[in-house]
Protein backbone atom coordinates (compact mmCIF):
# COMPACT_ATOMS: atom_id res chain seq x y z
CA MET A 1 -35.40 -50.55 -2.65
CA SER A 2 -36.88 -52.62 -0.13
CA GLY A 3 -35.12 -52.84 3.31
CA SER A 4 -35.03 -56.57 3.49
CA LYS A 5 -31.51 -58.23 3.19
CA GLU A 6 -30.85 -61.24 0.90
CA THR A 7 -30.80 -64.48 2.69
CA LEU A 8 -27.63 -66.47 1.98
CA ARG A 9 -27.45 -70.33 1.86
CA PHE A 10 -24.70 -71.42 3.79
CA PHE A 11 -23.30 -75.35 3.63
CA LEU A 12 -21.29 -76.15 6.71
CA ASP A 13 -18.43 -79.04 6.25
CA GLU A 14 -18.55 -81.54 9.08
CA GLY A 15 -15.16 -80.06 10.71
CA VAL A 16 -17.34 -76.55 11.46
CA PRO A 17 -18.72 -76.17 14.93
CA ASP A 18 -22.54 -76.07 15.16
CA SER A 19 -22.29 -72.72 17.01
CA VAL A 20 -21.10 -71.24 13.51
CA GLY A 21 -24.49 -72.86 12.00
CA LYS A 22 -26.35 -71.48 14.98
CA ALA A 23 -24.76 -68.03 14.23
CA LEU A 24 -25.42 -67.72 10.51
CA ALA A 25 -28.97 -68.82 11.37
CA GLN A 26 -29.73 -66.20 13.99
CA ALA A 27 -28.50 -63.75 11.29
CA GLY A 28 -31.62 -64.87 9.12
CA HIS A 29 -29.52 -66.92 6.61
CA THR A 30 -30.36 -70.67 5.62
CA VAL A 31 -27.91 -73.25 6.85
CA ILE A 32 -27.30 -76.73 5.62
CA TYR A 33 -25.34 -79.12 7.86
CA LEU A 34 -23.17 -81.68 5.80
CA ARG A 35 -24.41 -84.58 8.02
CA ASP A 36 -27.94 -83.69 6.92
CA ALA A 37 -27.11 -83.89 3.46
CA ILE A 38 -24.61 -86.43 2.50
CA ALA A 39 -22.57 -89.04 4.61
CA THR A 40 -20.16 -87.65 7.08
CA GLY A 41 -16.51 -88.57 5.77
CA SER A 42 -17.46 -87.70 2.30
CA PRO A 43 -14.59 -86.81 0.06
CA ASP A 44 -13.91 -82.76 -0.47
CA GLN A 45 -14.87 -83.04 -3.99
CA LEU A 46 -18.46 -84.39 -3.00
CA VAL A 47 -18.73 -81.87 -0.36
CA CYS A 48 -17.81 -78.97 -3.16
CA ALA A 49 -20.55 -80.54 -5.42
CA VAL A 50 -23.19 -80.95 -2.93
CA ALA A 51 -22.75 -77.18 -1.60
CA GLU A 52 -22.44 -75.89 -5.45
CA ALA A 53 -25.80 -77.97 -6.07
CA ASN A 54 -27.38 -76.17 -3.36
CA GLU A 55 -26.23 -73.14 -4.42
CA ALA A 56 -24.65 -72.61 -0.78
CA ILE A 57 -21.50 -70.90 0.39
CA LEU A 58 -19.44 -73.78 1.80
CA VAL A 59 -18.00 -73.15 5.20
CA ALA A 60 -14.97 -75.23 6.10
CA HIS A 61 -12.21 -75.51 8.78
CA ASP A 62 -10.48 -78.16 6.65
CA GLY A 63 -6.78 -77.01 5.36
CA ASP A 64 -7.41 -79.15 2.41
CA MET A 65 -10.38 -77.54 1.14
CA ARG A 66 -8.30 -74.27 0.71
CA GLN A 67 -6.18 -76.32 -1.65
CA LEU A 68 -9.18 -77.83 -3.52
CA ALA A 69 -10.52 -74.16 -4.03
CA LYS A 70 -7.34 -72.84 -5.52
CA ARG A 71 -7.17 -75.82 -7.87
CA HIS A 72 -10.88 -75.95 -8.59
CA GLY A 73 -13.21 -73.68 -6.88
CA VAL A 74 -11.60 -70.13 -7.87
CA SER A 75 -9.83 -70.36 -10.91
CA ALA A 76 -10.82 -73.53 -12.75
CA LYS A 77 -14.18 -74.44 -14.44
CA ARG A 78 -15.15 -77.64 -12.44
CA TYR A 79 -16.45 -75.68 -9.67
CA LYS A 80 -17.03 -72.27 -11.41
CA ARG A 81 -20.04 -71.33 -8.77
CA LEU A 82 -18.34 -72.65 -5.47
CA SER A 83 -18.27 -70.16 -3.02
CA LEU A 84 -15.94 -70.75 -0.09
CA ILE A 85 -15.44 -69.42 3.56
CA LYS A 86 -12.43 -70.85 4.75
CA LEU A 87 -11.92 -70.83 8.81
CA SER A 88 -8.35 -70.57 9.83
CA CYS A 89 -8.91 -69.43 13.42
CA ARG A 90 -9.35 -71.70 16.23
CA GLU A 91 -12.77 -73.87 16.17
CA THR A 92 -13.84 -72.33 19.45
CA GLN A 93 -13.61 -68.95 18.06
CA SER A 94 -15.14 -70.08 14.84
CA ALA A 95 -18.77 -68.51 15.61
CA LYS A 96 -17.48 -65.16 16.95
CA ARG A 97 -15.00 -64.66 14.08
CA ILE A 98 -17.79 -65.43 11.72
CA GLU A 99 -20.21 -63.01 13.37
CA GLY A 100 -17.71 -60.30 13.25
CA ALA A 101 -17.05 -60.78 9.60
CA LEU A 102 -20.91 -61.36 8.51
CA SER A 103 -21.38 -57.62 7.30
CA LEU A 104 -18.30 -58.43 4.99
CA ILE A 105 -19.88 -61.89 3.59
CA GLU A 106 -23.16 -60.33 3.00
CA HIS A 107 -21.49 -57.24 1.24
CA GLU A 108 -19.27 -59.65 -1.00
CA TRP A 109 -22.26 -61.90 -1.83
CA HIS A 110 -24.22 -58.68 -2.54
CA HIS A 111 -21.32 -57.17 -4.69
CA SER A 112 -21.04 -60.42 -6.66
CA ARG A 113 -24.72 -60.27 -7.99
CA GLY A 114 -25.07 -60.42 -11.68
CA ALA A 115 -21.59 -61.83 -12.33
CA LYS A 116 -21.28 -64.72 -14.95
CA ASP A 117 -20.17 -67.06 -12.37
CA ARG A 118 -21.18 -65.72 -8.82
CA ARG A 119 -19.07 -66.79 -6.14
CA ILE A 120 -16.95 -65.60 -3.19
CA PHE A 121 -14.07 -66.83 -1.51
CA ILE A 122 -13.22 -65.40 1.99
CA GLU A 123 -10.55 -66.61 4.58
CA ILE A 124 -10.96 -65.89 8.29
CA GLY A 125 -8.18 -66.38 10.38
CA LYS A 126 -7.26 -65.34 13.95
CA GLU A 127 -6.52 -61.70 13.30
CA SER A 128 -7.38 -61.28 9.55
CA ILE A 129 -10.23 -61.50 7.12
CA SER A 130 -8.99 -61.74 3.29
CA THR A 131 -11.45 -61.92 0.37
CA LYS A 132 -10.69 -62.66 -3.23
CA ARG A 133 -12.99 -61.68 -6.53
């Protein structure tokens, strides 16, 4: 087994601070900013479809994104490969919270390897982190 870790791909929704992308990139991961891929203000369904098409984990602050994931991303077949990290903390704390959760995110992604529909769902709050498999 080689000592190198897997590089993850993240797609940052427009409400996610650039500091989150910088933290993920500094950890060696690939970051795609929404503004570089599609028009800002795009509907959530398009954001989800683009993240999934890029085989990237969607990172969002949008409260509606969690509901969309519950309806379509986690249990339904529409976005059967959509992974989501929902930031439920203050935007000013997002980068710090994602840095603190990065080993869990990497673990969950590694654990999902080989699954028929590889995806993760992690919610990062002010004082808690939850994951669903």
